[in-house]
Amino acid sequence: MTLNDILQELTPVLLSGLSLLLSALIATAAQTAKQRWGLDIEARHREALHAALISGVKAAIERGPEEAAEVLIREAVDHAKASVPDAIQRLAPGEHVLDTLARSKLAGVVARYAE
């Protein structure tokens, strides 16, 4: 049996092994990319949600009296839901969480306007 014959016999086995190794490397790279970019996407959704709440608070202040905090908060939450629905869906915050975040943003905006 010659070296050529041995290589011909081993070629399918070597190709299968190489294919398996490459598949495992690709799967690992894909999982790593998904984890890394998935976190980046979530951070961008979070930032978009917070920016939308601030925009909503500002818009509500311009439309209504400053002392009507509940109206302002509801306007901010509604604005956020309309402007960043993907972030709302991805993060899935409850109404209480959105109200708390909007209340926090309202306090910050009011403090800035008071300065």
PDB file of N, CA and C in Angstrom:
ATOM      1  N   MET A   1       0.858  -1.162   0.000  1.00  0.00           N
ATOM      2  CA  MET A   1       0.000   0.000   0.000  1.00  0.00           C
ATOM      3  C   MET A   1       0.911   1.232   0.000  1.00  0.00           C
ATOM      4  N   THR A   2       0.615   2.140  -0.893  1.00  0.00           N
ATOM      5  CA  THR A   2       1.454   3.338  -1.028  1.00  0.00           C
ATOM      6  C   THR A   2       0.894   4.468  -0.185  1.00  0.00           C
ATOM      7  N   LEU A   3       1.683   5.507  -0.091  1.00  0.00           N
ATOM      8  CA  LEU A   3       1.268   6.711   0.650  1.00  0.00           C
ATOM      9  C   LEU A   3       0.033   7.332   0.013  1.00  0.00           C
ATOM     10  N   ASN A   4      -0.021   7.280  -1.286  1.00  0.00           N
ATOM     11  CA  ASN A   4      -1.170   7.815  -2.013  1.00  0.00           C
ATOM     12  C   ASN A   4      -2.443   7.052  -1.648  1.00  0.00           C
ATOM     13  N   ASP A   5      -2.354   5.747  -1.558  1.00  0.00           N
ATOM     14  CA  ASP A   5      -3.498   4.918  -1.188  1.00  0.00           C
ATOM     15  C   ASP A   5      -3.963   5.239   0.236  1.00  0.00           C
ATOM     16  N   ILE A   6      -3.013   5.418   1.126  1.00  0.00           N
ATOM     17  CA  ILE A   6      -3.338   5.741   2.523  1.00  0.00           C
ATOM     18  C   ILE A   6      -4.047   7.093   2.600  1.00  0.00           C
ATOM     19  N   LEU A   7      -3.540   8.075   1.858  1.00  0.00           N
ATOM     20  CA  LEU A   7      -4.162   9.414   1.850  1.00  0.00           C
ATOM     21  C   LEU A   7      -5.574   9.353   1.280  1.00  0.00           C
ATOM     22  N   GLN A   8      -5.780   8.552   0.242  1.00  0.00           N
ATOM     23  CA  GLN A   8      -7.111   8.403  -0.335  1.00  0.00           C
ATOM     24  C   GLN A   8      -8.082   7.779   0.669  1.00  0.00           C
ATOM     25  N   GLU A   9      -7.608   6.855   1.448  1.00  0.00           N
ATOM     26  CA  GLU A   9      -8.448   6.213   2.456  1.00  0.00           C
ATOM     27  C   GLU A   9      -8.768   7.171   3.611  1.00  0.00           C
ATOM     28  N   LEU A  10      -7.804   7.995   3.982  1.00  0.00           N
ATOM     29  CA  LEU A  10      -7.975   8.895   5.117  1.00  0.00           C
ATOM     30  C   LEU A  10      -8.670  10.219   4.764  1.00  0.00           C
ATOM     31  N   THR A  11      -8.710  10.568   3.501  1.00  0.00           N
ATOM     32  CA  THR A  11      -9.280  11.849   3.088  1.00  0.00           C
ATOM     33  C   THR A  11     -10.712  12.058   3.587  1.00  0.00           C
ATOM     34  N   PRO A  12     -11.632  11.114   3.436  1.00  0.00           N
ATOM     35  CA  PRO A  12     -12.993  11.339   3.935  1.00  0.00           C
ATOM     36  C   PRO A  12     -13.037  11.546   5.458  1.00  0.00           C
ATOM     37  N   VAL A  13     -12.206  10.792   6.164  1.00  0.00           N
ATOM     38  CA  VAL A  13     -12.173  10.919   7.627  1.00  0.00           C
ATOM     39  C   VAL A  13     -11.621  12.284   8.020  1.00  0.00           C
ATOM     40  N   LEU A  14     -10.543  12.692   7.356  1.00  0.00           N
ATOM     41  CA  LEU A  14      -9.939  13.995   7.652  1.00  0.00           C
ATOM     42  C   LEU A  14     -10.897  15.137   7.324  1.00  0.00           C
ATOM     43  N   LEU A  15     -11.594  15.030   6.185  1.00  0.00           N
ATOM     44  CA  LEU A  15     -12.556  16.061   5.805  1.00  0.00           C
ATOM     45  C   LEU A  15     -13.714  16.138   6.797  1.00  0.00           C
ATOM     46  N   SER A  16     -14.177  15.000   7.247  1.00  0.00           N
ATOM     47  CA  SER A  16     -15.256  14.981   8.245  1.00  0.00           C
ATOM     48  C   SER A  16     -14.800  15.623   9.547  1.00  0.00           C
ATOM     49  N   GLY A  17     -13.601  15.282   9.959  1.00  0.00           N
ATOM     50  CA  GLY A  17     -13.065  15.872  11.192  1.00  0.00           C
ATOM     51  C   GLY A  17     -12.869  17.369  11.061  1.00  0.00           C
ATOM     52  N   LEU A  18     -12.354  17.812   9.938  1.00  0.00           N
ATOM     53  CA  LEU A  18     -12.156  19.237   9.696  1.00  0.00           C
ATOM     54  C   LEU A  18     -13.494  19.968   9.640  1.00  0.00           C
ATOM     55  N   SER A  19     -14.458  19.343   9.009  1.00  0.00           N
ATOM     56  CA  SER A  19     -15.805  19.924   8.923  1.00  0.00           C
ATOM     57  C   SER A  19     -16.418  20.082  10.317  1.00  0.00           C
ATOM     58  N   LEU A  20     -16.262  19.068  11.143  1.00  0.00           N
ATOM     59  CA  LEU A  20     -16.778  19.114  12.508  1.00  0.00           C
ATOM     60  C   LEU A  20     -16.092  20.215  13.319  1.00  0.00           C
ATOM     61  N   LEU A  21     -14.776  20.321  13.176  1.00  0.00           N
ATOM     62  CA  LEU A  21     -14.014  21.354  13.884  1.00  0.00           C
ATOM     63  C   LEU A  21     -14.441  22.750  13.447  1.00  0.00           C
ATOM     64  N   LEU A  22     -14.576  22.958  12.139  1.00  0.00           N
ATOM     65  CA  LEU A  22     -15.007  24.266  11.637  1.00  0.00           C
ATOM     66  C   LEU A  22     -16.425  24.600  12.093  1.00  0.00           C
ATOM     67  N   SER A  23     -17.306  23.623  12.108  1.00  0.00           N
ATOM     68  CA  SER A  23     -18.677  23.848  12.579  1.00  0.00           C
ATOM     69  C   SER A  23     -18.685  24.274  14.042  1.00  0.00           C
ATOM     70  N   ALA A  24     -17.871  23.627  14.843  1.00  0.00           N
ATOM     71  CA  ALA A  24     -17.796  23.985  16.259  1.00  0.00           C
ATOM     72  C   ALA A  24     -17.240  25.393  16.436  1.00  0.00           C
ATOM     73  N   LEU A  25     -16.228  25.751  15.666  1.00  0.00           N
ATOM     74  CA  LEU A  25     -15.660  27.108  15.754  1.00  0.00           C
ATOM     75  C   LEU A  25     -16.673  28.163  15.329  1.00  0.00           C
ATOM     76  N   ILE A  26     -17.395  27.898  14.259  1.00  0.00           N
ATOM     77  CA  ILE A  26     -18.415  28.841  13.788  1.00  0.00           C
ATOM     78  C   ILE A  26     -19.526  28.981  14.820  1.00  0.00           C
ATOM     79  N   ALA A  27     -19.970  27.883  15.398  1.00  0.00           N
ATOM     80  CA  ALA A  27     -21.023  27.937  16.417  1.00  0.00           C
ATOM     81  C   ALA A  27     -20.565  28.737  17.636  1.00  0.00           C
ATOM     82  N   THR A  28     -19.323  28.539  18.056  1.00  0.00           N
ATOM     83  CA  THR A  28     -18.787  29.287  19.194  1.00  0.00           C
ATOM     84  C   THR A  28     -18.704  30.771  18.869  1.00  0.00           C
ATOM     85  N   ALA A  29     -18.229  31.098  17.678  1.00  0.00           N
ATOM     86  CA  ALA A  29     -18.133  32.509  17.265  1.00  0.00           C
ATOM     87  C   ALA A  29     -19.520  33.143  17.181  1.00  0.00           C
ATOM     88  N   ALA A  30     -20.482  32.416  16.662  1.00  0.00           N
ATOM     89  CA  ALA A  30     -21.848  32.936  16.552  1.00  0.00           C
ATOM     90  C   ALA A  30     -22.449  33.183  17.934  1.00  0.00           C
ATOM     91  N   GLN A  31     -22.241  32.276  18.858  1.00  0.00           N
ATOM     92  CA  GLN A  31     -22.765  32.442  20.215  1.00  0.00           C
ATOM     93  C   GLN A  31     -22.125  33.637  20.905  1.00  0.00           C
ATOM     94  N   THR A  32     -20.810  33.777  20.749  1.00  0.00           N
ATOM     95  CA  THR A  32     -20.104  34.904  21.339  1.00  0.00           C
ATOM     96  C   THR A  32     -20.606  36.224  20.756  1.00  0.00           C
ATOM     97  N   ALA A  33     -20.789  36.270  19.452  1.00  0.00           N
ATOM     98  CA  ALA A  33     -21.292  37.486  18.799  1.00  0.00           C
ATOM     99  C   ALA A  33     -22.705  37.806  19.273  1.00  0.00           C
ATOM    100  N   LYS A  34     -23.530  36.795  19.394  1.00  0.00           N
ATOM    101  CA  LYS A  34     -24.913  37.018  19.841  1.00  0.00           C
ATOM    102  C   LYS A  34     -24.950  37.595  21.255  1.00  0.00           C
ATOM    103  N   GLN A  35     -24.123  37.041  22.137  1.00  0.00           N
ATOM    104  CA  GLN A  35     -24.082  37.539  23.509  1.00  0.00           C
ATOM    105  C   GLN A  35     -23.585  38.979  23.543  1.00  0.00           C
ATOM    106  N   ARG A  36     -22.525  39.254  22.816  1.00  0.00           N
ATOM    107  CA  ARG A  36     -21.931  40.591  22.852  1.00  0.00           C
ATOM    108  C   ARG A  36     -22.874  41.618  22.251  1.00  0.00           C
ATOM    109  N   TRP A  37     -23.354  41.366  21.046  1.00  0.00           N
ATOM    110  CA  TRP A  37     -24.213  42.341  20.395  1.00  0.00           C
ATOM    111  C   TRP A  37     -25.602  42.362  20.989  1.00  0.00           C
ATOM    112  N   GLY A  38     -26.048  41.274  21.561  1.00  0.00           N
ATOM    113  CA  GLY A  38     -27.340  41.276  22.248  1.00  0.00           C
ATOM    114  C   GLY A  38     -27.322  42.240  23.416  1.00  0.00           C
ATOM    115  N   LEU A  39     -26.214  42.262  24.168  1.00  0.00           N
ATOM    116  CA  LEU A  39     -26.096  43.203  25.281  1.00  0.00           C
ATOM    117  C   LEU A  39     -26.020  44.629  24.771  1.00  0.00           C
ATOM    118  N   ASP A  40     -25.301  44.849  23.669  1.00  0.00           N
ATOM    119  CA  ASP A  40     -25.214  46.185  23.087  1.00  0.00           C
ATOM    120  C   ASP A  40     -26.580  46.673  22.634  1.00  0.00           C
ATOM    121  N   ILE A  41     -27.345  45.795  22.024  1.00  0.00           N
ATOM    122  CA  ILE A  41     -28.676  46.157  21.557  1.00  0.00           C
ATOM    123  C   ILE A  41     -29.565  46.514  22.744  1.00  0.00           C
ATOM    124  N   GLU A  42     -29.489  45.721  23.807  1.00  0.00           N
ATOM    125  CA  GLU A  42     -30.309  46.012  24.986  1.00  0.00           C
ATOM    126  C   GLU A  42     -29.930  47.365  25.590  1.00  0.00           C
ATOM    127  N   ALA A  43     -28.646  47.677  25.638  1.00  0.00           N
ATOM    128  CA  ALA A  43     -28.208  48.970  26.167  1.00  0.00           C
ATOM    129  C   ALA A  43     -28.748  50.103  25.303  1.00  0.00           C
ATOM    130  N   ARG A  44     -28.721  49.923  23.993  1.00  0.00           N
ATOM    131  CA  ARG A  44     -29.264  50.962  23.104  1.00  0.00           C
ATOM    132  C   ARG A  44     -30.766  51.115  23.300  1.00  0.00           C
ATOM    133  N   HIS A  45     -31.476  50.014  23.507  1.00  0.00           N
ATOM    134  CA  HIS A  45     -32.915  50.096  23.775  1.00  0.00           C
ATOM    135  C   HIS A  45     -33.168  50.856  25.075  1.00  0.00           C
ATOM    136  N   ARG A  46     -32.359  50.554  26.082  1.00  0.00           N
ATOM    137  CA  ARG A  46     -32.512  51.230  27.370  1.00  0.00           C
ATOM    138  C   ARG A  46     -32.269  52.737  27.225  1.00  0.00           C
ATOM    139  N   GLU A  47     -31.210  53.102  26.517  1.00  0.00           N
ATOM    140  CA  GLU A  47     -30.909  54.515  26.293  1.00  0.00           C
ATOM    141  C   GLU A  47     -32.027  55.195  25.512  1.00  0.00           C
ATOM    142  N   ALA A  48     -32.558  54.506  24.505  1.00  0.00           N
ATOM    143  CA  ALA A  48     -33.656  55.064  23.715  1.00  0.00           C
ATOM    144  C   ALA A  48     -34.893  55.271  24.572  1.00  0.00           C
ATOM    145  N   LEU A  49     -35.172  54.327  25.451  1.00  0.00           N
ATOM    146  CA  LEU A  49     -36.322  54.450  26.346  1.00  0.00           C
ATOM    147  C   LEU A  49     -36.177  55.659  27.256  1.00  0.00           C
ATOM    148  N   HIS A  50     -35.009  55.823  27.853  1.00  0.00           N
ATOM    149  CA  HIS A  50     -34.791  56.951  28.756  1.00  0.00           C
ATOM    150  C   HIS A  50     -34.872  58.280  27.998  1.00  0.00           C
ATOM    151  N   ALA A  51     -34.306  58.350  26.816  1.00  0.00           N
ATOM    152  CA  ALA A  51     -34.369  59.575  26.013  1.00  0.00           C
ATOM    153  C   ALA A  51     -35.811  59.891  25.629  1.00  0.00           C
ATOM    154  N   ALA A  52     -36.583  58.868  25.293  1.00  0.00           N
ATOM    155  CA  ALA A  52     -37.987  59.080  24.935  1.00  0.00           C
ATOM    156  C   ALA A  52     -38.785  59.580  26.133  1.00  0.00           C
ATOM    157  N   LEU A  53     -38.498  59.062  27.321  1.00  0.00           N
ATOM    158  CA  LEU A  53     -39.190  59.537  28.515  1.00  0.00           C
ATOM    159  C   LEU A  53     -38.867  61.005  28.782  1.00  0.00           C
ATOM    160  N   ILE A  54     -37.618  61.388  28.603  1.00  0.00           N
ATOM    161  CA  ILE A  54     -37.250  62.798  28.794  1.00  0.00           C
ATOM    162  C   ILE A  54     -37.966  63.670  27.763  1.00  0.00           C
ATOM    163  N   SER A  55     -37.987  63.227  26.507  1.00  0.00           N
ATOM    164  CA  SER A  55     -38.695  63.984  25.468  1.00  0.00           C
ATOM    165  C   SER A  55     -40.176  64.116  25.801  1.00  0.00           C
ATOM    166  N   GLY A  56     -40.756  63.040  26.276  1.00  0.00           N
ATOM    167  CA  GLY A  56     -42.173  63.070  26.643  1.00  0.00           C
ATOM    168  C   GLY A  56     -42.442  64.021  27.793  1.00  0.00           C
ATOM    169  N   VAL A  57     -41.577  64.023  28.792  1.00  0.00           N
ATOM    170  CA  VAL A  57     -41.736  64.937  29.926  1.00  0.00           C
ATOM    171  C   VAL A  57     -41.640  66.382  29.448  1.00  0.00           C
ATOM    172  N   LYS A  58     -40.653  66.681  28.609  1.00  0.00           N
ATOM    173  CA  LYS A  58     -40.499  68.037  28.090  1.00  0.00           C
ATOM    174  C   LYS A  58     -41.735  68.461  27.293  1.00  0.00           C
ATOM    175  N   ALA A  59     -42.223  67.559  26.441  1.00  0.00           N
ATOM    176  CA  ALA A  59     -43.412  67.866  25.643  1.00  0.00           C
ATOM    177  C   ALA A  59     -44.631  68.102  26.534  1.00  0.00           C
ATOM    178  N   ALA A  60     -44.773  67.295  27.576  1.00  0.00           N
ATOM    179  CA  ALA A  60     -45.909  67.455  28.488  1.00  0.00           C
ATOM    180  C   ALA A  60     -45.817  68.761  29.265  1.00  0.00           C
ATOM    181  N   ILE A  61     -44.615  69.141  29.676  1.00  0.00           N
ATOM    182  CA  ILE A  61     -44.446  70.408  30.404  1.00  0.00           C
ATOM    183  C   ILE A  61     -44.856  71.576  29.518  1.00  0.00           C
ATOM    184  N   GLU A  62     -44.498  71.493  28.254  1.00  0.00           N
ATOM    185  CA  GLU A  62     -44.838  72.583  27.332  1.00  0.00           C
ATOM    186  C   GLU A  62     -46.338  72.652  27.069  1.00  0.00           C
ATOM    187  N   ARG A  63     -47.052  71.533  27.184  1.00  0.00           N
ATOM    188  CA  ARG A  63     -48.484  71.507  26.913  1.00  0.00           C
ATOM    189  C   ARG A  63     -49.349  71.761  28.131  1.00  0.00           C
ATOM    190  N   GLY A  64     -48.873  71.406  29.322  1.00  0.00           N
ATOM    191  CA  GLY A  64     -49.743  71.468  30.485  1.00  0.00           C
ATOM    192  C   GLY A  64     -49.110  72.175  31.657  1.00  0.00           C
ATOM    193  N   PRO A  65     -49.884  72.352  32.720  1.00  0.00           N
ATOM    194  CA  PRO A  65     -49.354  73.024  33.915  1.00  0.00           C
ATOM    195  C   PRO A  65     -48.319  72.142  34.617  1.00  0.00           C
ATOM    196  N   GLU A  66     -47.313  72.786  35.171  1.00  0.00           N
ATOM    197  CA  GLU A  66     -46.227  72.045  35.820  1.00  0.00           C
ATOM    198  C   GLU A  66     -46.696  71.280  37.048  1.00  0.00           C
ATOM    199  N   GLU A  67     -47.727  71.763  37.713  1.00  0.00           N
ATOM    200  CA  GLU A  67     -48.157  71.099  38.947  1.00  0.00           C
ATOM    201  C   GLU A  67     -48.945  69.808  38.699  1.00  0.00           C
ATOM    202  N   ALA A  68     -49.285  69.513  37.473  1.00  0.00           N
ATOM    203  CA  ALA A  68     -50.052  68.303  37.170  1.00  0.00           C
ATOM    204  C   ALA A  68     -49.094  67.146  36.879  1.00  0.00           C
ATOM    205  N   ALA A  69     -48.378  66.695  37.900  1.00  0.00           N
ATOM    206  CA  ALA A  69     -47.335  65.680  37.740  1.00  0.00           C
ATOM    207  C   ALA A  69     -47.878  64.380  37.148  1.00  0.00           C
ATOM    208  N   GLU A  70     -49.040  63.952  37.573  1.00  0.00           N
ATOM    209  CA  GLU A  70     -49.577  62.682  37.062  1.00  0.00           C
ATOM    210  C   GLU A  70     -49.868  62.765  35.563  1.00  0.00           C
ATOM    211  N   VAL A  71     -50.378  63.903  35.125  1.00  0.00           N
ATOM    212  CA  VAL A  71     -50.635  64.088  33.697  1.00  0.00           C
ATOM    213  C   VAL A  71     -49.313  64.068  32.931  1.00  0.00           C
ATOM    214  N   LEU A  72     -48.320  64.734  33.484  1.00  0.00           N
ATOM    215  CA  LEU A  72     -47.012  64.785  32.839  1.00  0.00           C
ATOM    216  C   LEU A  72     -46.396  63.391  32.736  1.00  0.00           C
ATOM    217  N   ILE A  73     -46.501  62.626  33.804  1.00  0.00           N
ATOM    218  CA  ILE A  73     -45.926  61.279  33.809  1.00  0.00           C
ATOM    219  C   ILE A  73     -46.652  60.395  32.799  1.00  0.00           C
ATOM    220  N   ARG A  74     -47.968  60.461  32.764  1.00  0.00           N
ATOM    221  CA  ARG A  74     -48.737  59.654  31.809  1.00  0.00           C
ATOM    222  C   ARG A  74     -48.371  60.043  30.380  1.00  0.00           C
ATOM    223  N   GLU A  75     -48.235  61.350  30.129  1.00  0.00           N
ATOM    224  CA  GLU A  75     -47.836  61.820  28.792  1.00  0.00           C
ATOM    225  C   GLU A  75     -46.456  61.276  28.421  1.00  0.00           C
ATOM    226  N   ALA A  76     -45.536  61.294  29.370  1.00  0.00           N
ATOM    227  CA  ALA A  76     -44.173  60.815  29.106  1.00  0.00           C
ATOM    228  C   ALA A  76     -44.172  59.333  28.780  1.00  0.00           C
ATOM    229  N   VAL A  77     -44.908  58.539  29.553  1.00  0.00           N
ATOM    230  CA  VAL A  77     -44.972  57.095  29.321  1.00  0.00           C
ATOM    231  C   VAL A  77     -45.627  56.806  27.967  1.00  0.00           C
ATOM    232  N   ASP A  78     -46.711  57.511  27.663  1.00  0.00           N
ATOM    233  CA  ASP A  78     -47.375  57.318  26.369  1.00  0.00           C
ATOM    234  C   ASP A  78     -46.441  57.680  25.216  1.00  0.00           C
ATOM    235  N   HIS A  79     -45.701  58.754  25.395  1.00  0.00           N
ATOM    236  CA  HIS A  79     -44.737  59.178  24.378  1.00  0.00           C
ATOM    237  C   HIS A  79     -43.656  58.116  24.178  1.00  0.00           C
ATOM    238  N   ALA A  80     -43.147  57.580  25.257  1.00  0.00           N
ATOM    239  CA  ALA A  80     -42.114  56.543  25.168  1.00  0.00           C
ATOM    240  C   ALA A  80     -42.660  55.302  24.459  1.00  0.00           C
ATOM    241  N   LYS A  81     -43.872  54.904  24.797  1.00  0.00           N
ATOM    242  CA  LYS A  81     -44.471  53.726  24.161  1.00  0.00           C
ATOM    243  C   LYS A  81     -44.647  53.934  22.663  1.00  0.00           C
ATOM    244  N   ALA A  82     -45.005  55.161  22.272  1.00  0.00           N
ATOM    245  CA  ALA A  82     -45.217  55.449  20.856  1.00  0.00           C
ATOM    246  C   ALA A  82     -43.900  55.614  20.095  1.00  0.00           C
ATOM    247  N   SER A  83     -42.889  56.168  20.751  1.00  0.00           N
ATOM    248  CA  SER A  83     -41.660  56.483  20.014  1.00  0.00           C
ATOM    249  C   SER A  83     -40.617  55.371  20.024  1.00  0.00           C
ATOM    250  N   VAL A  84     -40.608  54.522  21.021  1.00  0.00           N
ATOM    251  CA  VAL A  84     -39.630  53.415  21.061  1.00  0.00           C
ATOM    252  C   VAL A  84     -40.315  52.092  21.425  1.00  0.00           C
ATOM    253  N   PRO A  85     -41.258  51.643  20.575  1.00  0.00           N
ATOM    254  CA  PRO A  85     -41.966  50.398  20.899  1.00  0.00           C
ATOM    255  C   PRO A  85     -41.048  49.180  20.954  1.00  0.00           C
ATOM    256  N   ASP A  86     -39.985  49.177  20.145  1.00  0.00           N
ATOM    257  CA  ASP A  86     -39.050  48.039  20.175  1.00  0.00           C
ATOM    258  C   ASP A  86     -38.352  47.946  21.529  1.00  0.00           C
ATOM    259  N   ALA A  87     -37.958  49.085  22.074  1.00  0.00           N
ATOM    260  CA  ALA A  87     -37.298  49.090  23.384  1.00  0.00           C
ATOM    261  C   ALA A  87     -38.270  48.624  24.465  1.00  0.00           C
ATOM    262  N   ILE A  88     -39.497  49.100  24.401  1.00  0.00           N
ATOM    263  CA  ILE A  88     -40.517  48.692  25.381  1.00  0.00           C
ATOM    264  C   ILE A  88     -40.739  47.182  25.285  1.00  0.00           C
ATOM    265  N   GLN A  89     -40.865  46.684  24.057  1.00  0.00           N
ATOM    266  CA  GLN A  89     -41.103  45.248  23.884  1.00  0.00           C
ATOM    267  C   GLN A  89     -39.912  44.431  24.366  1.00  0.00           C
ATOM    268  N   ARG A  90     -38.703  44.848  24.022  1.00  0.00           N
ATOM    269  CA  ARG A  90     -37.486  44.094  24.382  1.00  0.00           C
ATOM    270  C   ARG A  90     -37.252  44.086  25.892  1.00  0.00           C
ATOM    271  N   LEU A  91     -37.394  45.271  26.524  1.00  0.00           N
ATOM    272  CA  LEU A  91     -37.124  45.371  27.959  1.00  0.00           C
ATOM    273  C   LEU A  91     -38.304  44.920  28.807  1.00  0.00           C
ATOM    274  N   ALA A  92     -39.523  45.024  28.268  1.00  0.00           N
ATOM    275  CA  ALA A  92     -40.766  44.605  28.926  1.00  0.00           C
ATOM    276  C   ALA A  92     -40.920  45.152  30.348  1.00  0.00           C
ATOM    277  N   PRO A  93     -40.745  46.483  30.523  1.00  0.00           N
ATOM    278  CA  PRO A  93     -40.954  47.039  31.858  1.00  0.00           C
ATOM    279  C   PRO A  93     -42.454  47.101  32.157  1.00  0.00           C
ATOM    280  N   GLY A  94     -42.812  46.909  33.410  1.00  0.00           N
ATOM    281  CA  GLY A  94     -44.209  47.039  33.796  1.00  0.00           C
ATOM    282  C   GLY A  94     -44.608  48.505  33.868  1.00  0.00           C
ATOM    283  N   GLU A  95     -45.910  48.750  34.004  1.00  0.00           N
ATOM    284  CA  GLU A  95     -46.409  50.133  34.103  1.00  0.00           C
ATOM    285  C   GLU A  95     -45.794  50.859  35.294  1.00  0.00           C
ATOM    286  N   HIS A  96     -45.637  50.141  36.395  1.00  0.00           N
ATOM    287  CA  HIS A  96     -45.062  50.763  37.592  1.00  0.00           C
ATOM    288  C   HIS A  96     -43.617  51.203  37.337  1.00  0.00           C
ATOM    289  N   VAL A  97     -42.855  50.373  36.639  1.00  0.00           N
ATOM    290  CA  VAL A  97     -41.466  50.713  36.320  1.00  0.00           C
ATOM    291  C   VAL A  97     -41.428  51.932  35.409  1.00  0.00           C
ATOM    292  N   LEU A  98     -42.281  51.945  34.384  1.00  0.00           N
ATOM    293  CA  LEU A  98     -42.319  53.101  33.482  1.00  0.00           C
ATOM    294  C   LEU A  98     -42.719  54.368  34.229  1.00  0.00           C
ATOM    295  N   ASP A  99     -43.716  54.268  35.111  1.00  0.00           N
ATOM    296  CA  ASP A  99     -44.136  55.433  35.892  1.00  0.00           C
ATOM    297  C   ASP A  99     -43.007  55.927  36.793  1.00  0.00           C
ATOM    298  N   THR A 100     -42.304  55.001  37.423  1.00  0.00           N
ATOM    299  CA  THR A 100     -41.189  55.378  38.303  1.00  0.00           C
ATOM    300  C   THR A 100     -40.077  56.052  37.512  1.00  0.00           C
ATOM    301  N   LEU A 101     -39.733  55.486  36.375  1.00  0.00           N
ATOM    302  CA  LEU A 101     -38.702  56.094  35.523  1.00  0.00           C
ATOM    303  C   LEU A 101     -39.134  57.486  35.056  1.00  0.00           C
ATOM    304  N   ALA A 102     -40.382  57.614  34.621  1.00  0.00           N
ATOM    305  CA  ALA A 102     -40.878  58.911  34.154  1.00  0.00           C
ATOM    306  C   ALA A 102     -40.886  59.929  35.295  1.00  0.00           C
ATOM    307  N   ARG A 103     -41.255  59.491  36.494  1.00  0.00           N
ATOM    308  CA  ARG A 103     -41.254  60.391  37.664  1.00  0.00           C
ATOM    309  C   ARG A 103     -39.834  60.887  37.927  1.00  0.00           C
ATOM    310  N   SER A 104     -38.867  59.994  37.805  1.00  0.00           N
ATOM    311  CA  SER A 104     -37.468  60.372  37.992  1.00  0.00           C
ATOM    312  C   SER A 104     -37.030  61.375  36.924  1.00  0.00           C
ATOM    313  N   LYS A 105     -37.406  61.116  35.674  1.00  0.00           N
ATOM    314  CA  LYS A 105     -37.057  62.026  34.583  1.00  0.00           C
ATOM    315  C   LYS A 105     -37.745  63.377  34.768  1.00  0.00           C
ATOM    316  N   LEU A 106     -38.987  63.363  35.226  1.00  0.00           N
ATOM    317  CA  LEU A 106     -39.720  64.605  35.482  1.00  0.00           C
ATOM    318  C   LEU A 106     -38.998  65.444  36.528  1.00  0.00           C
ATOM    319  N   ALA A 107     -38.562  64.808  37.593  1.00  0.00           N
ATOM    320  CA  ALA A 107     -37.842  65.536  38.647  1.00  0.00           C
ATOM    321  C   ALA A 107     -36.570  66.176  38.088  1.00  0.00           C
ATOM    322  N   GLY A 108     -35.862  65.459  37.230  1.00  0.00           N
ATOM    323  CA  GLY A 108     -34.648  66.004  36.628  1.00  0.00           C
ATOM    324  C   GLY A 108     -34.936  67.167  35.709  1.00  0.00           C
ATOM    325  N   VAL A 109     -35.979  67.044  34.883  1.00  0.00           N
ATOM    326  CA  VAL A 109     -36.331  68.120  33.952  1.00  0.00           C
ATOM    327  C   VAL A 109     -36.805  69.358  34.713  1.00  0.00           C
ATOM    328  N   VAL A 110     -37.646  69.152  35.723  1.00  0.00           N
ATOM    329  CA  VAL A 110     -38.149  70.271  36.516  1.00  0.00           C
ATOM    330  C   VAL A 110     -36.984  70.988  37.214  1.00  0.00           C
ATOM    331  N   ALA A 111     -36.044  70.210  37.740  1.00  0.00           N
ATOM    332  CA  ALA A 111     -34.873  70.810  38.401  1.00  0.00           C
ATOM    333  C   ALA A 111     -34.070  71.647  37.411  1.00  0.00           C
ATOM    334  N   ARG A 112     -33.939  71.172  36.190  1.00  0.00           N
ATOM    335  CA  ARG A 112     -33.195  71.940  35.164  1.00  0.00           C
ATOM    336  C   ARG A 112     -33.929  73.197  34.766  1.00  0.00           C
ATOM    337  N   TYR A 113     -35.279  73.105  34.645  1.00  0.00           N
ATOM    338  CA  TYR A 113     -36.056  74.296  34.304  1.00  0.00           C
ATOM    339  C   TYR A 113     -36.050  75.311  35.441  1.00  0.00           C
ATOM    340  N   ALA A 114     -35.949  74.810  36.680  1.00  0.00           N
ATOM    341  CA  ALA A 114     -35.959  75.702  37.843  1.00  0.00           C
ATOM    342  C   ALA A 114     -34.654  76.500  37.962  1.00  0.00           C
ATOM    343  N   GLU A 115     -33.581  75.988  37.355  1.00  0.00           N
ATOM    344  CA  GLU A 115     -32.284  76.654  37.463  1.00  0.00           C
ATOM    345  C   GLU A 115     -32.235  77.926  36.674  1.00  0.00           C
TER     346      GLU A 115
END
